[in-house]
N, C-alpha and C. Protein backbone atom coordinates (compact mmCIF):
# COMPACT_ATOMS: atom_id res chain seq x y z
N MET A 1 -8.12 -33.32 13.56
CA MET A 1 -9.32 -32.97 13.68
C MET A 1 -9.54 -31.57 13.15
N TRP A 2 -10.53 -31.21 12.60
CA TRP A 2 -10.78 -29.84 11.92
C TRP A 2 -11.17 -28.84 13.13
N ASN A 3 -10.51 -27.71 13.25
CA ASN A 3 -10.78 -26.87 14.39
C ASN A 3 -11.44 -25.72 13.69
N PRO A 4 -12.72 -25.21 13.92
CA PRO A 4 -13.31 -23.92 13.39
C PRO A 4 -12.78 -22.66 13.87
N PHE A 5 -11.99 -22.71 15.04
CA PHE A 5 -11.58 -21.46 15.77
C PHE A 5 -10.16 -21.25 15.39
N LYS A 6 -9.56 -22.09 14.74
CA LYS A 6 -8.21 -22.05 14.31
C LYS A 6 -8.06 -20.74 13.20
N LYS A 7 -6.98 -19.91 13.46
CA LYS A 7 -6.68 -18.80 12.73
C LYS A 7 -6.06 -19.30 11.25
N SER A 8 -6.33 -18.63 10.43
CA SER A 8 -5.80 -18.83 8.93
C SER A 8 -4.28 -18.82 8.99
N ASP A 9 -3.75 -19.62 8.02
CA ASP A 9 -2.25 -19.73 7.88
C ASP A 9 -1.66 -18.57 7.01
N LYS A 10 -2.60 -17.97 6.44
CA LYS A 10 -2.23 -17.03 5.28
C LYS A 10 -2.29 -15.57 6.04
N THR A 11 -1.28 -15.33 6.78
CA THR A 11 -1.32 -13.89 7.56
C THR A 11 -0.57 -12.81 6.64
N ASP A 12 0.22 -13.20 5.67
CA ASP A 12 0.83 -12.23 4.73
C ASP A 12 -0.09 -12.09 3.34
N ASP A 13 -1.22 -12.64 3.33
CA ASP A 13 -1.97 -12.45 2.11
C ASP A 13 -2.28 -11.05 1.91
N PRO A 14 -1.90 -10.43 0.78
CA PRO A 14 -2.20 -9.07 0.48
C PRO A 14 -3.76 -8.69 0.20
N ASN A 15 -4.56 -9.76 -0.13
CA ASN A 15 -5.85 -9.70 -0.40
C ASN A 15 -6.70 -9.57 1.06
N GLN A 16 -6.14 -10.08 2.00
CA GLN A 16 -6.74 -9.93 3.30
C GLN A 16 -6.64 -8.49 3.81
N MET A 17 -7.64 -7.80 3.92
CA MET A 17 -7.54 -6.47 4.57
C MET A 17 -8.51 -6.50 5.84
N GLY A 18 -8.12 -5.58 6.59
CA GLY A 18 -8.94 -5.36 7.66
C GLY A 18 -10.07 -4.51 7.46
N PHE A 19 -10.93 -4.27 8.51
CA PHE A 19 -12.35 -3.48 8.43
C PHE A 19 -12.06 -2.23 7.88
N LEU A 20 -10.82 -1.68 8.69
CA LEU A 20 -10.75 -0.09 8.37
C LEU A 20 -9.95 0.01 6.75
N GLN A 21 -9.25 -0.86 6.55
CA GLN A 21 -8.73 -0.95 5.19
C GLN A 21 -9.67 -1.03 4.10
N LYS A 22 -10.78 -1.88 4.33
CA LYS A 22 -11.84 -2.09 3.35
C LYS A 22 -12.74 -0.74 3.26
N LEU A 23 -13.03 -0.23 4.46
CA LEU A 23 -13.68 0.89 4.31
C LEU A 23 -12.85 2.21 3.55
N ALA A 24 -11.70 2.17 3.81
CA ALA A 24 -10.76 3.15 3.24
C ALA A 24 -10.76 2.96 1.49
N MET A 25 -10.70 1.75 1.27
CA MET A 25 -10.71 1.36 -0.18
C MET A 25 -12.05 1.74 -0.98
N LYS A 26 -13.31 1.45 -0.08
CA LYS A 26 -14.50 1.76 -0.64
C LYS A 26 -14.66 3.34 -0.87
N ARG A 27 -14.23 4.08 0.11
CA ARG A 27 -14.18 5.57 0.17
C ARG A 27 -13.43 6.10 -1.07
N PHE A 28 -12.17 5.63 -1.14
CA PHE A 28 -11.31 5.97 -2.18
C PHE A 28 -11.92 5.67 -3.56
N ALA A 29 -12.59 4.46 -3.76
CA ALA A 29 -13.15 4.18 -4.93
C ALA A 29 -14.31 4.91 -5.36
N SER A 30 -15.12 5.57 -4.51
CA SER A 30 -16.25 6.21 -4.68
C SER A 30 -15.99 7.81 -4.76
N MET A 31 -14.58 8.26 -4.76
CA MET A 31 -14.22 9.50 -4.79
C MET A 31 -14.26 10.03 -6.34
N SER A 32 -14.44 11.05 -6.65
CA SER A 32 -14.31 11.69 -8.02
C SER A 32 -12.71 11.74 -8.22
N GLU A 33 -12.45 11.70 -9.59
CA GLU A 33 -11.16 11.85 -10.09
C GLU A 33 -10.46 13.19 -9.58
N GLU A 34 -11.10 14.29 -9.42
CA GLU A 34 -10.57 15.48 -8.80
C GLU A 34 -10.12 15.36 -7.39
N GLU A 35 -11.21 14.75 -6.49
CA GLU A 35 -10.63 14.35 -5.19
C GLU A 35 -9.47 13.43 -5.08
N LYS A 36 -9.53 12.45 -5.94
CA LYS A 36 -8.46 11.53 -5.73
C LYS A 36 -7.01 12.21 -6.21
N MET A 37 -7.12 12.97 -7.08
CA MET A 37 -5.79 13.73 -7.43
C MET A 37 -5.52 14.75 -6.36
N LYS A 38 -6.44 15.46 -5.86
CA LYS A 38 -6.14 16.42 -4.68
C LYS A 38 -5.67 15.64 -3.58
N MET A 39 -6.10 14.46 -3.20
CA MET A 39 -5.56 13.71 -1.98
C MET A 39 -4.04 13.17 -2.47
N MET A 40 -3.99 12.70 -3.60
CA MET A 40 -2.67 12.16 -4.04
C MET A 40 -1.54 13.27 -4.01
N GLN A 41 -1.96 14.44 -4.31
CA GLN A 41 -0.88 15.61 -4.26
C GLN A 41 -0.48 15.91 -3.00
N LYS A 42 -1.46 15.85 -2.07
CA LYS A 42 -1.34 16.19 -0.77
C LYS A 42 -0.43 15.22 -0.07
N MET A 43 -0.70 14.03 -0.34
CA MET A 43 -0.01 12.72 0.28
C MET A 43 1.42 12.88 -0.33
N LEU A 44 1.56 13.09 -1.53
CA LEU A 44 3.13 13.10 -2.11
C LEU A 44 3.87 14.34 -1.96
N THR A 45 3.43 15.06 -1.13
CA THR A 45 4.31 16.33 -0.80
C THR A 45 5.55 15.91 -0.20
N PRO A 46 6.70 16.76 -0.50
CA PRO A 46 8.03 16.32 0.13
C PRO A 46 8.07 16.28 1.56
N GLU A 47 7.25 16.74 2.18
CA GLU A 47 7.49 16.62 3.79
C GLU A 47 6.67 15.44 4.26
N ASN A 48 5.61 15.08 3.51
CA ASN A 48 5.12 13.82 3.78
C ASN A 48 6.03 12.48 3.46
N ILE A 49 6.58 12.65 2.23
CA ILE A 49 7.52 11.71 1.86
C ILE A 49 8.74 11.47 2.74
N ALA A 50 9.42 12.70 3.12
CA ALA A 50 10.38 12.57 4.12
C ALA A 50 10.15 12.00 5.47
N LYS A 51 8.85 12.29 5.97
CA LYS A 51 8.42 11.68 7.24
C LYS A 51 8.15 10.17 7.18
N ASN A 52 7.58 9.69 6.00
CA ASN A 52 7.44 8.24 5.71
C ASN A 52 8.30 7.49 5.03
N LYS A 53 9.60 7.92 4.89
CA LYS A 53 10.50 7.22 3.75
C LYS A 53 10.63 5.95 4.03
N GLU A 54 11.06 5.61 5.51
CA GLU A 54 11.12 4.29 5.71
C GLU A 54 10.03 3.29 5.42
N LYS A 55 8.93 3.76 5.76
CA LYS A 55 7.67 3.08 5.65
C LYS A 55 7.47 2.77 4.22
N ILE A 56 7.55 3.71 3.41
CA ILE A 56 7.44 3.76 1.98
C ILE A 56 8.39 2.58 1.40
N LEU A 57 9.52 2.67 1.67
CA LEU A 57 10.54 1.69 1.16
C LEU A 57 10.23 0.38 1.62
N ALA A 58 9.88 0.14 2.98
CA ALA A 58 9.51 -1.11 3.44
C ALA A 58 8.30 -1.78 2.79
N VAL A 59 7.29 -0.97 2.47
CA VAL A 59 6.19 -1.47 1.61
C VAL A 59 6.66 -1.82 0.32
N MET A 60 7.38 -1.02 -0.33
CA MET A 60 7.88 -1.41 -1.72
C MET A 60 8.69 -2.67 -1.83
N ASN A 61 9.52 -2.78 -0.76
CA ASN A 61 10.33 -4.15 -0.69
C ASN A 61 9.36 -5.29 -0.57
N GLN A 62 8.51 -5.21 0.33
CA GLN A 62 7.50 -6.25 0.71
C GLN A 62 6.64 -6.66 -0.62
N MET A 63 6.29 -5.56 -1.46
CA MET A 63 5.51 -5.82 -2.64
C MET A 63 6.47 -6.50 -3.54
N ARG A 64 7.64 -6.20 -3.66
CA ARG A 64 8.70 -6.79 -4.62
C ARG A 64 8.82 -8.23 -4.20
N ASP A 65 8.96 -8.62 -2.78
CA ASP A 65 9.23 -9.83 -2.40
C ASP A 65 7.82 -10.88 -2.58
N SER A 66 6.81 -10.13 -2.47
CA SER A 66 5.65 -10.93 -2.74
C SER A 66 5.02 -11.19 -4.17
N GLY A 67 5.96 -10.48 -5.07
CA GLY A 67 5.59 -10.68 -6.37
C GLY A 67 4.66 -9.75 -7.10
N GLN A 68 4.31 -8.80 -6.29
CA GLN A 68 3.18 -7.86 -6.78
C GLN A 68 3.70 -6.89 -7.77
N ILE A 69 5.20 -6.48 -7.57
CA ILE A 69 5.67 -5.60 -8.45
C ILE A 69 7.02 -6.12 -8.75
N SER A 70 7.74 -5.74 -9.95
CA SER A 70 9.12 -6.21 -10.16
C SER A 70 10.06 -5.27 -9.56
N ALA A 71 11.39 -5.69 -9.77
CA ALA A 71 12.44 -4.93 -9.18
C ALA A 71 12.66 -3.66 -9.88
N ASP A 72 12.31 -3.61 -11.19
CA ASP A 72 12.38 -2.52 -12.10
C ASP A 72 11.38 -1.51 -11.69
N GLN A 73 10.14 -1.93 -11.38
CA GLN A 73 9.23 -1.00 -10.88
C GLN A 73 9.50 -0.29 -9.60
N VAL A 74 10.05 -1.07 -8.65
CA VAL A 74 10.62 -0.51 -7.48
C VAL A 74 11.59 0.46 -7.64
N GLU A 75 12.63 0.38 -8.55
CA GLU A 75 13.55 1.34 -8.79
C GLU A 75 12.95 2.45 -9.53
N LEU A 76 11.97 2.41 -10.43
CA LEU A 76 11.43 3.43 -11.11
C LEU A 76 10.47 4.37 -10.01
N ALA A 77 9.86 3.55 -9.13
CA ALA A 77 9.15 4.44 -8.11
C ALA A 77 10.11 5.16 -7.15
N ARG A 78 11.11 4.55 -6.82
CA ARG A 78 12.25 5.17 -6.03
C ARG A 78 12.73 6.48 -6.67
N ARG A 79 12.98 6.36 -8.00
CA ARG A 79 13.32 7.55 -8.68
C ARG A 79 12.37 8.70 -8.89
N LYS A 80 11.12 8.13 -9.09
CA LYS A 80 10.08 9.21 -9.05
C LYS A 80 9.85 10.03 -7.82
N LEU A 81 10.14 9.30 -6.88
CA LEU A 81 9.59 9.84 -5.51
C LEU A 81 11.02 10.50 -4.83
N GLY A 82 12.06 10.23 -5.49
CA GLY A 82 13.33 10.87 -4.88
C GLY A 82 13.72 10.13 -3.67
N LEU A 83 13.73 8.83 -3.71
CA LEU A 83 14.09 8.03 -2.58
C LEU A 83 15.51 7.42 -3.00
């Protein structure tokens, strides 16, 4: 029997974003190019990368496993970020 309260089986779907993630994506999309570049430069400082190295690697591996990016792209990103 169909249960309207049953949770979806697609828990690892990358297109399923939470409320705050959707808000952040909308805000990022509405930013000017200068603001985006400024934010990315701040985020990719060596201090931030060193603090979040494990998280960055885990996300890249998850993206590779789900087929969003290839193994070559993961290696290229690791080299560019110095991981």
